[in-house]
Amino acid sequence: MQFIKKYGFLILPMIFMLIGFLTLKFSVDFGSRAAYAYFKSKGTYGINLAEFNTIQSKYMISHMIIGGILFSLGTIFLFFSVYKLSKK
């Protein structure tokens, strides 16, 4: 119990980093799937390629931004946690 109490706050930053890294790594796949789902929900089967590429790139960029924010926050919190542990 003492171990979990002492090092338990290191788990949350690592989870943020893992989710952020996976979102960054698979952002192209997530963006493509989101664009396909968007066009499928609109019911447009005659897809305009330029419009599809624009929407796909916007979805990819949004996933990259979300992944970057989560990874950065996880890294910052991890460094603060390690610093806090080293001060004790």
C-alpha atoms as a PDB file:
ATOM      1  CA  MET A   1       0.000   0.000   0.000  1.00  0.00           C
ATOM      2  CA  GLN A   2       2.863   2.348   0.781  1.00  0.00           C
ATOM      3  CA  PHE A   3       4.311   1.788  -2.717  1.00  0.00           C
ATOM      4  CA  ILE A   4       1.017   2.698  -4.413  1.00  0.00           C
ATOM      5  CA  LYS A   5       0.629   5.732  -2.194  1.00  0.00           C
ATOM      6  CA  LYS A   6       4.155   6.917  -2.951  1.00  0.00           C
ATOM      7  CA  TYR A   7       4.306   6.213  -6.709  1.00  0.00           C
ATOM      8  CA  GLY A   8       0.626   6.202  -7.679  1.00  0.00           C
ATOM      9  CA  PHE A   9       0.678   9.723  -9.090  1.00  0.00           C
ATOM     10  CA  LEU A  10       3.169   8.598 -11.752  1.00  0.00           C
ATOM     11  CA  ILE A  11       0.525   6.427 -13.419  1.00  0.00           C
ATOM     12  CA  LEU A  12      -1.695   9.264 -14.703  1.00  0.00           C
ATOM     13  CA  PRO A  13       1.077  11.082 -16.639  1.00  0.00           C
ATOM     14  CA  MET A  14       2.182   7.800 -18.173  1.00  0.00           C
ATOM     15  CA  ILE A  15      -1.388   7.093 -19.296  1.00  0.00           C
ATOM     16  CA  PHE A  16      -1.573  10.577 -20.851  1.00  0.00           C
ATOM     17  CA  MET A  17       1.719   9.993 -22.618  1.00  0.00           C
ATOM     18  CA  LEU A  18       0.632   6.599 -23.916  1.00  0.00           C
ATOM     19  CA  ILE A  19      -2.723   7.859 -25.219  1.00  0.00           C
ATOM     20  CA  GLY A  20      -1.032  10.897 -26.786  1.00  0.00           C
ATOM     21  CA  PHE A  21       1.652   8.782 -28.440  1.00  0.00           C
ATOM     22  CA  LEU A  22      -0.864   6.325 -29.850  1.00  0.00           C
ATOM     23  CA  THR A  23      -3.049   9.170 -31.116  1.00  0.00           C
ATOM     24  CA  LEU A  24      -0.027  10.717 -32.821  1.00  0.00           C
ATOM     25  CA  LYS A  25       1.083   7.419 -34.288  1.00  0.00           C
ATOM     26  CA  PHE A  26      -2.326   6.486 -35.703  1.00  0.00           C
ATOM     27  CA  SER A  27      -3.529  10.011 -36.568  1.00  0.00           C
ATOM     28  CA  VAL A  28      -3.469   9.304 -40.307  1.00  0.00           C
ATOM     29  CA  ASP A  29      -5.595   6.190 -39.886  1.00  0.00           C
ATOM     30  CA  PHE A  30      -7.984   7.946 -37.489  1.00  0.00           C
ATOM     31  CA  GLY A  31      -8.280  10.914 -39.851  1.00  0.00           C
ATOM     32  CA  SER A  32      -9.007   8.732 -42.859  1.00  0.00           C
ATOM     33  CA  ARG A  33     -11.648   6.744 -41.007  1.00  0.00           C
ATOM     34  CA  ALA A  34     -13.281   9.914 -39.689  1.00  0.00           C
ATOM     35  CA  ALA A  35     -13.413  11.408 -43.205  1.00  0.00           C
ATOM     36  CA  TYR A  36     -14.938   8.222 -44.634  1.00  0.00           C
ATOM     37  CA  ALA A  37     -17.499   8.183 -41.814  1.00  0.00           C
ATOM     38  CA  TYR A  38     -18.321  11.841 -42.437  1.00  0.00           C
ATOM     39  CA  PHE A  39     -19.004  11.303 -46.126  1.00  0.00           C
ATOM     40  CA  LYS A  40     -20.935   8.125 -45.409  1.00  0.00           C
ATOM     41  CA  SER A  41     -23.146   9.939 -42.895  1.00  0.00           C
ATOM     42  CA  LYS A  42     -23.836  12.687 -45.420  1.00  0.00           C
ATOM     43  CA  GLY A  43     -24.924  10.096 -47.954  1.00  0.00           C
ATOM     44  CA  THR A  44     -22.770  11.511 -50.740  1.00  0.00           C
ATOM     45  CA  TYR A  45     -21.584   8.663 -52.880  1.00  0.00           C
ATOM     46  CA  GLY A  46     -20.236  10.889 -55.653  1.00  0.00           C
ATOM     47  CA  ILE A  47     -17.314  12.142 -53.578  1.00  0.00           C
ATOM     48  CA  ASN A  48     -15.571  15.294 -54.696  1.00  0.00           C
ATOM     49  CA  LEU A  49     -11.895  14.344 -54.329  1.00  0.00           C
ATOM     50  CA  ALA A  50     -10.683  17.841 -53.473  1.00  0.00           C
ATOM     51  CA  GLU A  51     -13.288  18.215 -50.745  1.00  0.00           C
ATOM     52  CA  PHE A  52     -12.523  14.749 -49.395  1.00  0.00           C
ATOM     53  CA  ASN A  53      -8.777  15.491 -49.223  1.00  0.00           C
ATOM     54  CA  THR A  54      -9.443  18.770 -47.424  1.00  0.00           C
ATOM     55  CA  ILE A  55     -11.696  17.158 -44.831  1.00  0.00           C
ATOM     56  CA  GLN A  56      -9.319  14.232 -44.404  1.00  0.00           C
ATOM     57  CA  SER A  57      -6.333  16.508 -43.799  1.00  0.00           C
ATOM     58  CA  LYS A  58      -8.323  18.551 -41.255  1.00  0.00           C
ATOM     59  CA  TYR A  59      -9.270  15.410 -39.348  1.00  0.00           C
ATOM     60  CA  MET A  60      -5.638  14.257 -39.389  1.00  0.00           C
ATOM     61  CA  ILE A  61      -4.401  17.600 -38.124  1.00  0.00           C
ATOM     62  CA  SER A  62      -6.976  17.636 -35.336  1.00  0.00           C
ATOM     63  CA  HIS A  63      -5.868  14.179 -34.192  1.00  0.00           C
ATOM     64  CA  MET A  64      -2.225  15.269 -34.317  1.00  0.00           C
ATOM     65  CA  ILE A  65      -2.998  18.322 -32.184  1.00  0.00           C
ATOM     66  CA  ILE A  66      -4.942  16.283 -29.617  1.00  0.00           C
ATOM     67  CA  GLY A  67      -2.175  13.671 -29.466  1.00  0.00           C
ATOM     68  CA  GLY A  68       0.515  16.322 -29.151  1.00  0.00           C
ATOM     69  CA  ILE A  69      -1.309  18.067 -26.321  1.00  0.00           C
ATOM     70  CA  LEU A  70      -1.860  14.829 -24.402  1.00  0.00           C
ATOM     71  CA  PHE A  71       1.732  13.704 -24.919  1.00  0.00           C
ATOM     72  CA  SER A  72       3.110  17.107 -23.879  1.00  0.00           C
ATOM     73  CA  LEU A  73       0.935  17.303 -20.770  1.00  0.00           C
ATOM     74  CA  GLY A  74       1.904  13.775 -19.808  1.00  0.00           C
ATOM     75  CA  THR A  75       5.593  14.564 -20.258  1.00  0.00           C
ATOM     76  CA  ILE A  76       5.379  17.779 -18.228  1.00  0.00           C
ATOM     77  CA  PHE A  77       3.449  16.111 -15.412  1.00  0.00           C
ATOM     78  CA  LEU A  78       5.872  13.190 -15.433  1.00  0.00           C
ATOM     79  CA  PHE A  79       8.860  15.531 -15.068  1.00  0.00           C
ATOM     80  CA  PHE A  80       7.159  17.372 -12.200  1.00  0.00           C
ATOM     81  CA  SER A  81       6.345  14.046 -10.532  1.00  0.00           C
ATOM     82  CA  VAL A  82       9.921  12.829 -10.827  1.00  0.00           C
ATOM     83  CA  TYR A  83      11.143  16.171  -9.504  1.00  0.00           C
ATOM     84  CA  LYS A  84       8.754  15.884  -6.563  1.00  0.00           C
ATOM     85  CA  LEU A  85      10.016  12.360  -5.845  1.00  0.00           C
ATOM     86  CA  SER A  86      13.649  13.453  -6.019  1.00  0.00           C
ATOM     87  CA  LYS A  87      13.059  16.265  -3.493  1.00  0.00           C
ATOM     88  CA  LYS A  88      11.773  13.863  -0.828  1.00  0.00           C
END
